[in-house]
Amino acid sequence: MAIKGASQLIYDAVSTWPDVEAHPHRFGGTEYRLASREIGHIHGDHLVDIPFPKKVREEVVAAGRAERHHLLPETGWVSFYLREPGDAERAVELLRLSFELALQQKARGRVSTAETLRDEELRT
């Protein structure tokens, strides 16, 4: 079950972060990027997908904060389903973690695309 208005709540929060831009996602919904790196995307009011390094993904999944990605379970991506009140805020927390990791990578001078991040994860 979707949470009506969740995508707007998430947009309102994430779009205020420095240098984050919202773009249409190639499979529908809205994609959030820091420079060329995707920090996550939302499909309507029901699903948020977020990339992480595999180690962080494992921690997030083990803590019950999200599930392995519904289509790419072997990558660092997670899926978070918006099912109950408060889930939009929990999704924002996960997107914030992805954003902070992207900022750290940018500070090291290694801003990469989601595809490059995925390639790096597959090697680890």
PDB file of N, CA and C in Angstrom:
ATOM      1  N   MET A   1       0.841  -1.183   0.000  1.00  0.00           N
ATOM      2  CA  MET A   1       0.000   0.000   0.000  1.00  0.00           C
ATOM      3  C   MET A   1       0.885   1.245   0.000  1.00  0.00           C
ATOM      4  N   ALA A   2       0.616   2.154  -0.886  1.00  0.00           N
ATOM      5  CA  ALA A   2       1.378   3.392  -0.990  1.00  0.00           C
ATOM      6  C   ALA A   2       0.948   4.385   0.095  1.00  0.00           C
ATOM      7  N   ILE A   3       1.835   5.314   0.387  1.00  0.00           N
ATOM      8  CA  ILE A   3       1.546   6.386   1.339  1.00  0.00           C
ATOM      9  C   ILE A   3       1.304   7.657   0.528  1.00  0.00           C
ATOM     10  N   LYS A   4       0.072   8.066   0.448  1.00  0.00           N
ATOM     11  CA  LYS A   4      -0.283   9.242  -0.353  1.00  0.00           C
ATOM     12  C   LYS A   4       0.537  10.453   0.078  1.00  0.00           C
ATOM     13  N   GLY A   5       1.178  11.079  -0.906  1.00  0.00           N
ATOM     14  CA  GLY A   5       1.973  12.280  -0.650  1.00  0.00           C
ATOM     15  C   GLY A   5       3.404  12.006  -0.223  1.00  0.00           C
ATOM     16  N   ALA A   6       3.803  10.727  -0.122  1.00  0.00           N
ATOM     17  CA  ALA A   6       5.164  10.404   0.333  1.00  0.00           C
ATOM     18  C   ALA A   6       6.224  10.965  -0.604  1.00  0.00           C
ATOM     19  N   SER A   7       5.996  10.867  -1.906  1.00  0.00           N
ATOM     20  CA  SER A   7       7.009  11.355  -2.847  1.00  0.00           C
ATOM     21  C   SER A   7       7.217  12.860  -2.692  1.00  0.00           C
ATOM     22  N   GLN A   8       6.150  13.596  -2.403  1.00  0.00           N
ATOM     23  CA  GLN A   8       6.283  15.045  -2.200  1.00  0.00           C
ATOM     24  C   GLN A   8       7.028  15.347  -0.899  1.00  0.00           C
ATOM     25  N   LEU A   9       6.722  14.609   0.156  1.00  0.00           N
ATOM     26  CA  LEU A   9       7.440  14.801   1.426  1.00  0.00           C
ATOM     27  C   LEU A   9       8.931  14.538   1.249  1.00  0.00           C
ATOM     28  N   ILE A  10       9.254  13.475   0.523  1.00  0.00           N
ATOM     29  CA  ILE A  10      10.662  13.141   0.277  1.00  0.00           C
ATOM     30  C   ILE A  10      11.312  14.215  -0.578  1.00  0.00           C
ATOM     31  N   TYR A  11      10.634  14.644  -1.632  1.00  0.00           N
ATOM     32  CA  TYR A  11      11.160  15.722  -2.475  1.00  0.00           C
ATOM     33  C   TYR A  11      11.423  16.978  -1.654  1.00  0.00           C
ATOM     34  N   ASP A  12      10.458  17.358  -0.812  1.00  0.00           N
ATOM     35  CA  ASP A  12      10.594  18.572  -0.004  1.00  0.00           C
ATOM     36  C   ASP A  12      11.830  18.519   0.891  1.00  0.00           C
ATOM     37  N   ALA A  13      12.166  17.352   1.394  1.00  0.00           N
ATOM     38  CA  ALA A  13      13.339  17.211   2.264  1.00  0.00           C
ATOM     39  C   ALA A  13      14.633  17.153   1.456  1.00  0.00           C
ATOM     40  N   VAL A  14      14.689  16.254   0.497  1.00  0.00           N
ATOM     41  CA  VAL A  14      15.938  15.984  -0.222  1.00  0.00           C
ATOM     42  C   VAL A  14      16.355  17.159  -1.097  1.00  0.00           C
ATOM     43  N   SER A  15      15.409  17.859  -1.663  1.00  0.00           N
ATOM     44  CA  SER A  15      15.742  18.971  -2.558  1.00  0.00           C
ATOM     45  C   SER A  15      16.359  20.157  -1.825  1.00  0.00           C
ATOM     46  N   THR A  16      16.323  20.154  -0.499  1.00  0.00           N
ATOM     47  CA  THR A  16      16.947  21.251   0.263  1.00  0.00           C
ATOM     48  C   THR A  16      18.425  20.996   0.548  1.00  0.00           C
ATOM     49  N   TRP A  17      18.906  19.781   0.282  1.00  0.00           N
ATOM     50  CA  TRP A  17      20.301  19.456   0.583  1.00  0.00           C
ATOM     51  C   TRP A  17      21.224  20.113  -0.436  1.00  0.00           C
ATOM     52  N   PRO A  18      22.392  20.573   0.000  1.00  0.00           N
ATOM     53  CA  PRO A  18      23.297  21.292  -0.903  1.00  0.00           C
ATOM     54  C   PRO A  18      23.676  20.470  -2.133  1.00  0.00           C
ATOM     55  N   ASP A  19      23.552  21.111  -3.289  1.00  0.00           N
ATOM     56  CA  ASP A  19      23.982  20.559  -4.578  1.00  0.00           C
ATOM     57  C   ASP A  19      23.206  19.331  -5.047  1.00  0.00           C
ATOM     58  N   VAL A  20      22.098  19.005  -4.401  1.00  0.00           N
ATOM     59  CA  VAL A  20      21.277  17.882  -4.849  1.00  0.00           C
ATOM     60  C   VAL A  20      20.286  18.391  -5.883  1.00  0.00           C
ATOM     61  N   GLU A  21      20.187  17.647  -6.979  1.00  0.00           N
ATOM     62  CA  GLU A  21      19.243  17.987  -8.040  1.00  0.00           C
ATOM     63  C   GLU A  21      18.278  16.831  -8.249  1.00  0.00           C
ATOM     64  N   ALA A  22      17.045  17.157  -8.572  1.00  0.00           N
ATOM     65  CA  ALA A  22      16.023  16.160  -8.882  1.00  0.00           C
ATOM     66  C   ALA A  22      15.861  16.100 -10.398  1.00  0.00           C
ATOM     67  N   HIS A  23      15.778  14.887 -10.914  1.00  0.00           N
ATOM     68  CA  HIS A  23      15.623  14.657 -12.355  1.00  0.00           C
ATOM     69  C   HIS A  23      14.606  13.536 -12.560  1.00  0.00           C
ATOM     70  N   PRO A  24      13.979  13.489 -13.742  1.00  0.00           N
ATOM     71  CA  PRO A  24      13.133  12.329 -14.034  1.00  0.00           C
ATOM     72  C   PRO A  24      14.005  11.070 -14.079  1.00  0.00           C
ATOM     73  N   HIS A  25      13.509   9.988 -13.504  1.00  0.00           N
ATOM     74  CA  HIS A  25      14.240   8.723 -13.523  1.00  0.00           C
ATOM     75  C   HIS A  25      13.859   7.943 -14.775  1.00  0.00           C
ATOM     76  N   ARG A  26      14.814   7.225 -15.336  1.00  0.00           N
ATOM     77  CA  ARG A  26      14.586   6.539 -16.614  1.00  0.00           C
ATOM     78  C   ARG A  26      13.488   5.482 -16.541  1.00  0.00           C
ATOM     79  N   PHE A  27      13.187   4.953 -15.352  1.00  0.00           N
ATOM     80  CA  PHE A  27      12.118   3.971 -15.214  1.00  0.00           C
ATOM     81  C   PHE A  27      10.895   4.569 -14.524  1.00  0.00           C
ATOM     82  N   GLY A  28      10.782   5.879 -14.555  1.00  0.00           N
ATOM     83  CA  GLY A  28       9.668   6.567 -13.932  1.00  0.00           C
ATOM     84  C   GLY A  28      10.034   7.072 -12.549  1.00  0.00           C
ATOM     85  N   GLY A  29       9.354   8.084 -12.100  1.00  0.00           N
ATOM     86  CA  GLY A  29       9.627   8.646 -10.786  1.00  0.00           C
ATOM     87  C   GLY A  29      10.665   9.743 -10.842  1.00  0.00           C
ATOM     88  N   THR A  30      11.246  10.011  -9.693  1.00  0.00           N
ATOM     89  CA  THR A  30      12.216  11.095  -9.537  1.00  0.00           C
ATOM     90  C   THR A  30      13.527  10.544  -9.020  1.00  0.00           C
ATOM     91  N   GLU A  31      14.612  10.977  -9.655  1.00  0.00           N
ATOM     92  CA  GLU A  31      15.965  10.581  -9.275  1.00  0.00           C
ATOM     93  C   GLU A  31      16.646  11.778  -8.621  1.00  0.00           C
ATOM     94  N   TYR A  32      17.376  11.511  -7.556  1.00  0.00           N
ATOM     95  CA  TYR A  32      18.124  12.564  -6.862  1.00  0.00           C
ATOM     96  C   TYR A  32      19.606  12.319  -7.074  1.00  0.00           C
ATOM     97  N   ARG A  33      20.330  13.395  -7.470  1.00  0.00           N
ATOM     98  CA  ARG A  33      21.754  13.281  -7.752  1.00  0.00           C
ATOM     99  C   ARG A  33      22.559  14.363  -7.040  1.00  0.00           C
ATOM    100  N   LEU A  34      23.762  13.973  -6.655  1.00  0.00           N
ATOM    101  CA  LEU A  34      24.781  14.911  -6.205  1.00  0.00           C
ATOM    102  C   LEU A  34      25.817  14.882  -7.310  1.00  0.00           C
ATOM    103  N   ALA A  35      25.911  15.969  -8.069  1.00  0.00           N
ATOM    104  CA  ALA A  35      26.715  16.004  -9.291  1.00  0.00           C
ATOM    105  C   ALA A  35      26.209  14.881 -10.193  1.00  0.00           C
ATOM    106  N   SER A  36      27.081  13.999 -10.658  1.00  0.00           N
ATOM    107  CA  SER A  36      26.634  12.932 -11.547  1.00  0.00           C
ATOM    108  C   SER A  36      26.279  11.651 -10.806  1.00  0.00           C
ATOM    109  N   ARG A  37      26.409  11.654  -9.492  1.00  0.00           N
ATOM    110  CA  ARG A  37      26.146  10.438  -8.716  1.00  0.00           C
ATOM    111  C   ARG A  37      24.707  10.405  -8.216  1.00  0.00           C
ATOM    112  N   GLU A  38      24.023   9.337  -8.525  1.00  0.00           N
ATOM    113  CA  GLU A  38      22.672   9.158  -8.021  1.00  0.00           C
ATOM    114  C   GLU A  38      22.734   8.767  -6.553  1.00  0.00           C
ATOM    115  N   ILE A  39      21.928   9.455  -5.736  1.00  0.00           N
ATOM    116  CA  ILE A  39      21.857   9.077  -4.320  1.00  0.00           C
ATOM    117  C   ILE A  39      20.582   8.284  -4.037  1.00  0.00           C
ATOM    118  N   GLY A  40      19.717   8.163  -5.027  1.00  0.00           N
ATOM    119  CA  GLY A  40      18.520   7.355  -4.897  1.00  0.00           C
ATOM    120  C   GLY A  40      17.421   7.861  -5.803  1.00  0.00           C
ATOM    121  N   HIS A  41      16.355   7.064  -5.913  1.00  0.00           N
ATOM    122  CA  HIS A  41      15.198   7.481  -6.694  1.00  0.00           C
ATOM    123  C   HIS A  41      13.934   6.899  -6.089  1.00  0.00           C
ATOM    124  N   ILE A  42      12.825   7.556  -6.419  1.00  0.00           N
ATOM    125  CA  ILE A  42      11.533   7.146  -5.881  1.00  0.00           C
ATOM    126  C   ILE A  42      10.576   6.856  -7.024  1.00  0.00           C
ATOM    127  N   HIS A  43       9.813   5.789  -6.866  1.00  0.00           N
ATOM    128  CA  HIS A  43       8.774   5.416  -7.816  1.00  0.00           C
ATOM    129  C   HIS A  43       7.428   5.712  -7.152  1.00  0.00           C
ATOM    130  N   GLY A  44       6.802   6.799  -7.564  1.00  0.00           N
ATOM    131  CA  GLY A  44       5.506   7.167  -7.011  1.00  0.00           C
ATOM    132  C   GLY A  44       5.547   7.333  -5.506  1.00  0.00           C
ATOM    133  N   ASP A  45       4.491   6.889  -4.851  1.00  0.00           N
ATOM    134  CA  ASP A  45       4.385   6.986  -3.394  1.00  0.00           C
ATOM    135  C   ASP A  45       4.590   5.629  -2.730  1.00  0.00           C
ATOM    136  N   HIS A  46       5.291   4.700  -3.439  1.00  0.00           N
ATOM    137  CA  HIS A  46       5.359   3.357  -2.874  1.00  0.00           C
ATOM    138  C   HIS A  46       6.744   2.727  -2.768  1.00  0.00           C
ATOM    139  N   LEU A  47       7.771   3.230  -3.485  1.00  0.00           N
ATOM    140  CA  LEU A  47       9.066   2.549  -3.487  1.00  0.00           C
ATOM    141  C   LEU A  47      10.212   3.526  -3.667  1.00  0.00           C
ATOM    142  N   VAL A  48      11.249   3.372  -2.829  1.00  0.00           N
ATOM    143  CA  VAL A  48      12.472   4.157  -2.946  1.00  0.00           C
ATOM    144  C   VAL A  48      13.629   3.167  -3.115  1.00  0.00           C
ATOM    145  N   ASP A  49      14.479   3.410  -4.116  1.00  0.00           N
ATOM    146  CA  ASP A  49      15.680   2.599  -4.354  1.00  0.00           C
ATOM    147  C   ASP A  49      16.896   3.467  -4.108  1.00  0.00           C
ATOM    148  N   ILE A  50      17.878   2.909  -3.367  1.00  0.00           N
ATOM    149  CA  ILE A  50      19.031   3.695  -2.926  1.00  0.00           C
ATOM    150  C   ILE A  50      20.308   2.875  -3.096  1.00  0.00           C
ATOM    151  N   PRO A  51      21.363   3.466  -3.702  1.00  0.00           N
ATOM    152  CA  PRO A  51      22.630   2.751  -3.849  1.00  0.00           C
ATOM    153  C   PRO A  51      23.539   2.964  -2.639  1.00  0.00           C
ATOM    154  N   PHE A  52      24.181   1.894  -2.230  1.00  0.00           N
ATOM    155  CA  PHE A  52      25.177   1.943  -1.167  1.00  0.00           C
ATOM    156  C   PHE A  52      26.343   1.037  -1.540  1.00  0.00           C
ATOM    157  N   PRO A  53      27.503   1.265  -0.954  1.00  0.00           N
ATOM    158  CA  PRO A  53      28.544   0.237  -1.044  1.00  0.00           C
ATOM    159  C   PRO A  53      27.988  -1.037  -0.404  1.00  0.00           C
ATOM    160  N   LYS A  54      28.431  -2.189  -0.853  1.00  0.00           N
ATOM    161  CA  LYS A  54      27.867  -3.451  -0.348  1.00  0.00           C
ATOM    162  C   LYS A  54      27.956  -3.580   1.168  1.00  0.00           C
ATOM    163  N   LYS A  55      29.043  -3.122   1.763  1.00  0.00           N
ATOM    164  CA  LYS A  55      29.190  -3.225   3.216  1.00  0.00           C
ATOM    165  C   LYS A  55      28.085  -2.441   3.920  1.00  0.00           C
ATOM    166  N   VAL A  56      27.817  -1.249   3.451  1.00  0.00           N
ATOM    167  CA  VAL A  56      26.764  -0.421   4.048  1.00  0.00           C
ATOM    168  C   VAL A  56      25.401  -1.055   3.775  1.00  0.00           C
ATOM    169  N   ARG A  57      25.191  -1.552   2.570  1.00  0.00           N
ATOM    170  CA  ARG A  57      23.936  -2.238   2.246  1.00  0.00           C
ATOM    171  C   ARG A  57      23.679  -3.374   3.233  1.00  0.00           C
ATOM    172  N   GLU A  58      24.724  -4.167   3.501  1.00  0.00           N
ATOM    173  CA  GLU A  58      24.563  -5.289   4.426  1.00  0.00           C
ATOM    174  C   GLU A  58      24.147  -4.801   5.814  1.00  0.00           C
ATOM    175  N   GLU A  59      24.752  -3.705   6.274  1.00  0.00           N
ATOM    176  CA  GLU A  59      24.408  -3.145   7.582  1.00  0.00           C
ATOM    177  C   GLU A  59      22.963  -2.647   7.611  1.00  0.00           C
ATOM    178  N   VAL A  60      22.561  -1.968   6.548  1.00  0.00           N
ATOM    179  CA  VAL A  60      21.203  -1.423   6.460  1.00  0.00           C
ATOM    180  C   VAL A  60      20.175  -2.554   6.441  1.00  0.00           C
ATOM    181  N   VAL A  61      20.438  -3.578   5.647  1.00  0.00           N
ATOM    182  CA  VAL A  61      19.507  -4.715   5.558  1.00  0.00           C
ATOM    183  C   VAL A  61      19.484  -5.485   6.874  1.00  0.00           C
ATOM    184  N   ALA A  62      20.648  -5.738   7.468  1.00  0.00           N
ATOM    185  CA  ALA A  62      20.720  -6.481   8.729  1.00  0.00           C
ATOM    186  C   ALA A  62      19.963  -5.754   9.845  1.00  0.00           C
ATOM    187  N   ALA A  63      19.960  -4.425   9.796  1.00  0.00           N
ATOM    188  CA  ALA A  63      19.250  -3.634  10.802  1.00  0.00           C
ATOM    189  C   ALA A  63      17.749  -3.553  10.515  1.00  0.00           C
ATOM    190  N   GLY A  64      17.309  -4.120   9.397  1.00  0.00           N
ATOM    191  CA  GLY A  64      15.895  -4.088   9.052  1.00  0.00           C
ATOM    192  C   GLY A  64      15.412  -2.753   8.526  1.00  0.00           C
ATOM    193  N   ARG A  65      16.348  -1.918   8.091  1.00  0.00           N
ATOM    194  CA  ARG A  65      15.990  -0.584   7.618  1.00  0.00           C
ATOM    195  C   ARG A  65      15.532  -0.573   6.166  1.00  0.00           C
ATOM    196  N   ALA A  66      15.883  -1.611   5.398  1.00  0.00           N
ATOM    197  CA  ALA A  66      15.498  -1.734   3.990  1.00  0.00           C
ATOM    198  C   ALA A  66      15.726  -3.182   3.573  1.00  0.00           C
ATOM    199  N   GLU A  67      15.367  -3.475   2.340  1.00  0.00           N
ATOM    200  CA  GLU A  67      15.561  -4.808   1.783  1.00  0.00           C
ATOM    201  C   GLU A  67      16.585  -4.724   0.649  1.00  0.00           C
ATOM    202  N   ARG A  68      17.183  -5.867   0.325  1.00  0.00           N
ATOM    203  CA  ARG A  68      18.008  -5.898  -0.880  1.00  0.00           C
ATOM    204  C   ARG A  68      17.145  -5.443  -2.048  1.00  0.00           C
ATOM    205  N   HIS A  69      17.781  -4.853  -3.056  1.00  0.00           N
ATOM    206  CA  HIS A  69      17.038  -4.332  -4.204  1.00  0.00           C
ATOM    207  C   HIS A  69      16.162  -5.421  -4.815  1.00  0.00           C
ATOM    208  N   HIS A  70      14.955  -5.048  -5.154  1.00  0.00           N
ATOM    209  CA  HIS A  70      13.970  -6.006  -5.651  1.00  0.00           C
ATOM    210  C   HIS A  70      14.346  -6.630  -6.988  1.00  0.00           C
ATOM    211  N   LEU A  71      15.168  -5.984  -7.795  1.00  0.00           N
ATOM    212  CA  LEU A  71      15.599  -6.537  -9.086  1.00  0.00           C
ATOM    213  C   LEU A  71      17.086  -6.850  -9.139  1.00  0.00           C
ATOM    214  N   LEU A  72      17.882  -6.162  -8.335  1.00  0.00           N
ATOM    215  CA  LEU A  72      19.343  -6.312  -8.350  1.00  0.00           C
ATOM    216  C   LEU A  72      19.854  -6.665  -6.954  1.00  0.00           C
ATOM    217  N   PRO A  73      19.461  -7.809  -6.411  1.00  0.00           N
ATOM    218  CA  PRO A  73      19.779  -8.135  -5.020  1.00  0.00           C
ATOM    219  C   PRO A  73      21.261  -8.361  -4.738  1.00  0.00           C
ATOM    220  N   GLU A  74      22.071  -8.592  -5.743  1.00  0.00           N
ATOM    221  CA  GLU A  74      23.501  -8.844  -5.527  1.00  0.00           C
ATOM    222  C   GLU A  74      24.329  -7.567  -5.564  1.00  0.00           C
ATOM    223  N   THR A  75      23.695  -6.448  -5.864  1.00  0.00           N
ATOM    224  CA  THR A  75      24.410  -5.175  -5.887  1.00  0.00           C
ATOM    225  C   THR A  75      24.289  -4.504  -4.523  1.00  0.00           C
ATOM    226  N   GLY A  76      24.804  -3.308  -4.404  1.00  0.00           N
ATOM    227  CA  GLY A  76      24.696  -2.552  -3.163  1.00  0.00           C
ATOM    228  C   GLY A  76      23.376  -1.814  -3.007  1.00  0.00           C
ATOM    229  N   TRP A  77      22.526  -1.881  -4.012  1.00  0.00           N
ATOM    230  CA  TRP A  77      21.252  -1.169  -3.960  1.00  0.00           C
ATOM    231  C   TRP A  77      20.302  -1.798  -2.947  1.00  0.00           C
ATOM    232  N   VAL A  78      19.482  -0.942  -2.320  1.00  0.00           N
ATOM    233  CA  VAL A  78      18.403  -1.402  -1.454  1.00  0.00           C
ATOM    234  C   VAL A  78      17.087  -0.862  -1.982  1.00  0.00           C
ATOM    235  N   SER A  79      16.013  -1.544  -1.606  1.00  0.00           N
ATOM    236  CA  SER A  79      14.659  -1.073  -1.882  1.00  0.00           C
ATOM    237  C   SER A  79      13.971  -0.822  -0.546  1.00  0.00           C
ATOM    238  N   PHE A  80      13.267   0.283  -0.478  1.00  0.00           N
ATOM    239  CA  PHE A  80      12.512   0.637   0.725  1.00  0.00           C
ATOM    240  C   PHE A  80      11.079   0.907   0.293  1.00  0.00           C
ATOM    241  N   TYR A  81      10.170   0.102   0.804  1.00  0.00           N
ATOM    242  CA  TYR A  81       8.759   0.240   0.455  1.00  0.00           C
ATOM    243  C   TYR A  81       8.054   1.172   1.439  1.00  0.00           C
ATOM    244  N   LEU A  82       7.273   2.088   0.885  1.00  0.00           N
ATOM    245  CA  LEU A  82       6.523   3.062   1.672  1.00  0.00           C
ATOM    246  C   LEU A  82       5.158   2.462   1.967  1.00  0.00           C
ATOM    247  N   ARG A  83       4.994   1.939   3.190  1.00  0.00           N
ATOM    248  CA  ARG A  83       3.787   1.188   3.534  1.00  0.00           C
ATOM    249  C   ARG A  83       2.990   1.773   4.694  1.00  0.00           C
ATOM    250  N   GLU A  84       3.632   2.547   5.543  1.00  0.00           N
ATOM    251  CA  GLU A  84       2.933   3.029   6.739  1.00  0.00           C
ATOM    252  C   GLU A  84       3.392   4.437   7.084  1.00  0.00           C
ATOM    253  N   PRO A  85       2.583   5.147   7.890  1.00  0.00           N
ATOM    254  CA  PRO A  85       2.988   6.495   8.295  1.00  0.00           C
ATOM    255  C   PRO A  85       4.385   6.461   8.914  1.00  0.00           C
ATOM    256  N   GLY A  86       5.173   7.428   8.578  1.00  0.00           N
ATOM    257  CA  GLY A  86       6.545   7.493   9.078  1.00  0.00           C
ATOM    258  C   GLY A  86       7.559   6.927   8.112  1.00  0.00           C
ATOM    259  N   ASP A  87       7.105   6.162   7.119  1.00  0.00           N
ATOM    260  CA  ASP A  87       8.045   5.574   6.164  1.00  0.00           C
ATOM    261  C   ASP A  87       8.724   6.627   5.286  1.00  0.00           C
ATOM    262  N   ALA A  88       8.035   7.715   4.974  1.00  0.00           N
ATOM    263  CA  ALA A  88       8.670   8.768   4.174  1.00  0.00           C
ATOM    264  C   ALA A  88       9.870   9.339   4.929  1.00  0.00           C
ATOM    265  N   GLU A  89       9.712   9.539   6.236  1.00  0.00           N
ATOM    266  CA  GLU A  89      10.821  10.061   7.041  1.00  0.00           C
ATOM    267  C   GLU A  89      11.971   9.047   7.117  1.00  0.00           C
ATOM    268  N   ARG A  90      11.628   7.756   7.229  1.00  0.00           N
ATOM    269  CA  ARG A  90      12.670   6.726   7.251  1.00  0.00           C
ATOM    270  C   ARG A  90      13.389   6.649   5.906  1.00  0.00           C
ATOM    271  N   ALA A  91      12.655   6.853   4.820  1.00  0.00           N
ATOM    272  CA  ALA A  91      13.272   6.881   3.494  1.00  0.00           C
ATOM    273  C   ALA A  91      14.230   8.061   3.383  1.00  0.00           C
ATOM    274  N   VAL A  92      13.834   9.200   3.921  1.00  0.00           N
ATOM    275  CA  VAL A  92      14.704  10.387   3.897  1.00  0.00           C
ATOM    276  C   VAL A  92      15.984  10.105   4.683  1.00  0.00           C
ATOM    277  N   GLU A  93      15.882   9.402   5.807  1.00  0.00           N
ATOM    278  CA  GLU A  93      17.079   9.054   6.578  1.00  0.00           C
ATOM    279  C   GLU A  93      18.034   8.193   5.752  1.00  0.00           C
ATOM    280  N   LEU A  94      17.503   7.235   5.012  1.00  0.00           N
ATOM    281  CA  LEU A  94      18.352   6.385   4.167  1.00  0.00           C
ATOM    282  C   LEU A  94      18.954   7.180   3.007  1.00  0.00           C
ATOM    283  N   LEU A  95      18.155   8.046   2.411  1.00  0.00           N
ATOM    284  CA  LEU A  95      18.679   8.900   1.344  1.00  0.00           C
ATOM    285  C   LEU A  95      19.766   9.824   1.889  1.00  0.00           C
ATOM    286  N   ARG A  96      19.584  10.285   3.121  1.00  0.00           N
ATOM    287  CA  ARG A  96      20.593  11.148   3.743  1.00  0.00           C
ATOM    288  C   ARG A  96      21.910  10.396   3.925  1.00  0.00           C
ATOM    289  N   LEU A  97      21.830   9.132   4.319  1.00  0.00           N
ATOM    290  CA  LEU A  97      23.037   8.317   4.447  1.00  0.00           C
ATOM    291  C   LEU A  97      23.734   8.191   3.087  1.00  0.00           C
ATOM    292  N   SER A  98      22.975   7.937   2.041  1.00  0.00           N
ATOM    293  CA  SER A  98      23.546   7.852   0.694  1.00  0.00           C
ATOM    294  C   SER A  98      24.177   9.192   0.299  1.00  0.00           C
ATOM    295  N   PHE A  99      23.501  10.291   0.615  1.00  0.00           N
ATOM    296  CA  PHE A  99      24.012  11.635   0.332  1.00  0.00           C
ATOM    297  C   PHE A  99      25.334  11.891   1.061  1.00  0.00           C
ATOM    298  N   GLU A 100      25.385  11.534   2.336  1.00  0.00           N
ATOM    299  CA  GLU A 100      26.617  11.751   3.109  1.00  0.00           C
ATOM    300  C   GLU A 100      27.778  10.920   2.572  1.00  0.00           C
ATOM    301  N   LEU A 101      27.492   9.702   2.154  1.00  0.00           N
ATOM    302  CA  LEU A 101      28.544   8.881   1.541  1.00  0.00           C
ATOM    303  C   LEU A 101      29.002   9.493   0.219  1.00  0.00           C
ATOM    304  N   ALA A 102      28.066  10.036  -0.545  1.00  0.00           N
ATOM    305  CA  ALA A 102      28.420  10.696  -1.805  1.00  0.00           C
ATOM    306  C   ALA A 102      29.271  11.935  -1.543  1.00  0.00           C
ATOM    307  N   LEU A 103      28.938  12.693  -0.497  1.00  0.00           N
ATOM    308  CA  LEU A 103      29.749  13.862  -0.141  1.00  0.00           C
ATOM    309  C   LEU A 103      31.174  13.455   0.225  1.00  0.00           C
ATOM    310  N   GLN A 104      31.310  12.380   0.979  1.00  0.00           N
ATOM    311  CA  GLN A 104      32.645  11.892   1.342  1.00  0.00           C
ATOM    312  C   GLN A 104      33.432  11.505   0.090  1.00  0.00           C
ATOM    313  N   GLN A 105      32.763  10.841  -0.828  1.00  0.00           N
ATOM    314  CA  GLN A 105      33.430  10.434  -2.061  1.00  0.00           C
ATOM    315  C   GLN A 105      33.815  11.664  -2.875  1.00  0.00           C
ATOM    316  N   LYS A 106      32.932  12.646  -2.924  1.00  0.00           N
ATOM    317  CA  LYS A 106      33.218  13.879  -3.654  1.00  0.00           C
ATOM    318  C   LYS A 106      34.419  14.591  -3.036  1.00  0.00           C
ATOM    319  N   ALA A 107      34.484  14.601  -1.715  1.00  0.00           N
ATOM    320  CA  ALA A 107      35.603  15.252  -1.025  1.00  0.00           C
ATOM    321  C   ALA A 107      36.928  14.573  -1.363  1.00  0.00           C
ATOM    322  N   ARG A 108      36.866  13.277  -1.633  1.00  0.00           N
ATOM    323  CA  ARG A 108      38.078  12.555  -2.030  1.00  0.00           C
ATOM    324  C   ARG A 108      38.371  12.739  -3.512  1.00  0.00           C
ATOM    325  N   GLY A 109      37.498  13.517  -4.201  1.00  0.00           N
ATOM    326  CA  GLY A 109      37.725  13.783  -5.618  1.00  0.00           C
ATOM    327  C   GLY A 109      37.297  12.654  -6.529  1.00  0.00           C
ATOM    328  N   ARG A 110      36.343  11.845  -6.041  1.00  0.00           N
ATOM    329  CA  ARG A 110      35.926  10.689  -6.822  1.00  0.00           C
ATOM    330  C   ARG A 110      34.421  10.664  -7.023  1.00  0.00           C
ATOM    331  N   VAL A 111      33.846  11.712  -7.566  1.00  0.00           N
ATOM    332  CA  VAL A 111      32.422  11.683  -7.846  1.00  0.00           C
ATOM    333  C   VAL A 111      32.219  10.786  -9.063  1.00  0.00           C
ATOM    334  N   SER A 112      31.373   9.785  -8.904  1.00  0.00           N
ATOM    335  CA  SER A 112      31.145   8.849 -10.000  1.00  0.00           C
ATOM    336  C   SER A 112      29.660   8.666 -10.243  1.00  0.00           C
ATOM    337  N   THR A 113      29.329   8.085 -11.355  1.00  0.00           N
ATOM    338  CA  THR A 113      27.934   7.798 -11.666  1.00  0.00           C
ATOM    339  C   THR A 113      27.500   6.551 -10.921  1.00  0.00           C
ATOM    340  N   ALA A 114      26.218   6.313 -10.876  1.00  0.00           N
ATOM    341  CA  ALA A 114      25.700   5.107 -10.225  1.00  0.00           C
ATOM    342  C   ALA A 114      26.262   3.863 -10.897  1.00  0.00           C
ATOM    343  N   GLU A 115      26.461   3.917 -12.215  1.00  0.00           N
ATOM    344  CA  GLU A 115      27.009   2.757 -12.914  1.00  0.00           C
ATOM    345  C   GLU A 115      28.438   2.483 -12.468  1.00  0.00           C
ATOM    346  N   THR A 116      29.252   3.512 -12.302  1.00  0.00           N
ATOM    347  CA  THR A 116      30.616   3.325 -11.841  1.00  0.00           C
ATOM    348  C   THR A 116      30.618   2.785 -10.423  1.00  0.00           C
ATOM    349  N   LEU A 117      29.742   3.315  -9.569  1.00  0.00           N
ATOM    350  CA  LEU A 117      29.627   2.823  -8.198  1.00  0.00           C
ATOM    351  C   LEU A 117      29.267   1.344  -8.209  1.00  0.00           C
ATOM    352  N   ARG A 118      28.313   0.959  -9.050  1.00  0.00           N
ATOM    353  CA  ARG A 118      27.903  -0.431  -9.127  1.00  0.00           C
ATOM    354  C   ARG A 118      29.060  -1.302  -9.581  1.00  0.00           C
ATOM    355  N   ASP A 119      29.860  -0.849 -10.559  1.00  0.00           N
ATOM    356  CA  ASP A 119      31.024  -1.603 -11.015  1.00  0.00           C
ATOM    357  C   ASP A 119      32.031  -1.797  -9.879  1.00  0.00           C
ATOM    358  N   GLU A 120      32.246  -0.737  -9.088  1.00  0.00           N
ATOM    359  CA  GLU A 120      33.173  -0.820  -7.955  1.00  0.00           C
ATOM    360  C   GLU A 120      32.674  -1.832  -6.941  1.00  0.00           C
ATOM    361  N   GLU A 121      31.353  -1.836  -6.678  1.00  0.00           N
ATOM    362  CA  GLU A 121      30.780  -2.751  -5.700  1.00  0.00           C
ATOM    363  C   GLU A 121      30.914  -4.200  -6.137  1.00  0.00           C
ATOM    364  N   LEU A 122      30.752  -4.439  -7.406  1.00  0.00           N
ATOM    365  CA  LEU A 122      30.829  -5.812  -7.907  1.00  0.00           C
ATOM    366  C   LEU A 122      32.236  -6.379  -7.767  1.00  0.00           C
ATOM    367  N   ARG A 123      33.237  -5.508  -7.750  1.00  0.00           N
ATOM    368  CA  ARG A 123      34.621  -5.960  -7.597  1.00  0.00           C
ATOM    369  C   ARG A 123      34.952  -6.281  -6.136  1.00  0.00           C
ATOM    370  N   THR A 124      34.171  -5.734  -5.189  1.00  0.00           N
ATOM    371  CA  THR A 124      34.474  -5.953  -3.770  1.00  0.00           C
ATOM    372  C   THR A 124      33.737  -7.134  -3.198  1.00  0.00           C
TER     373      THR A 124
END
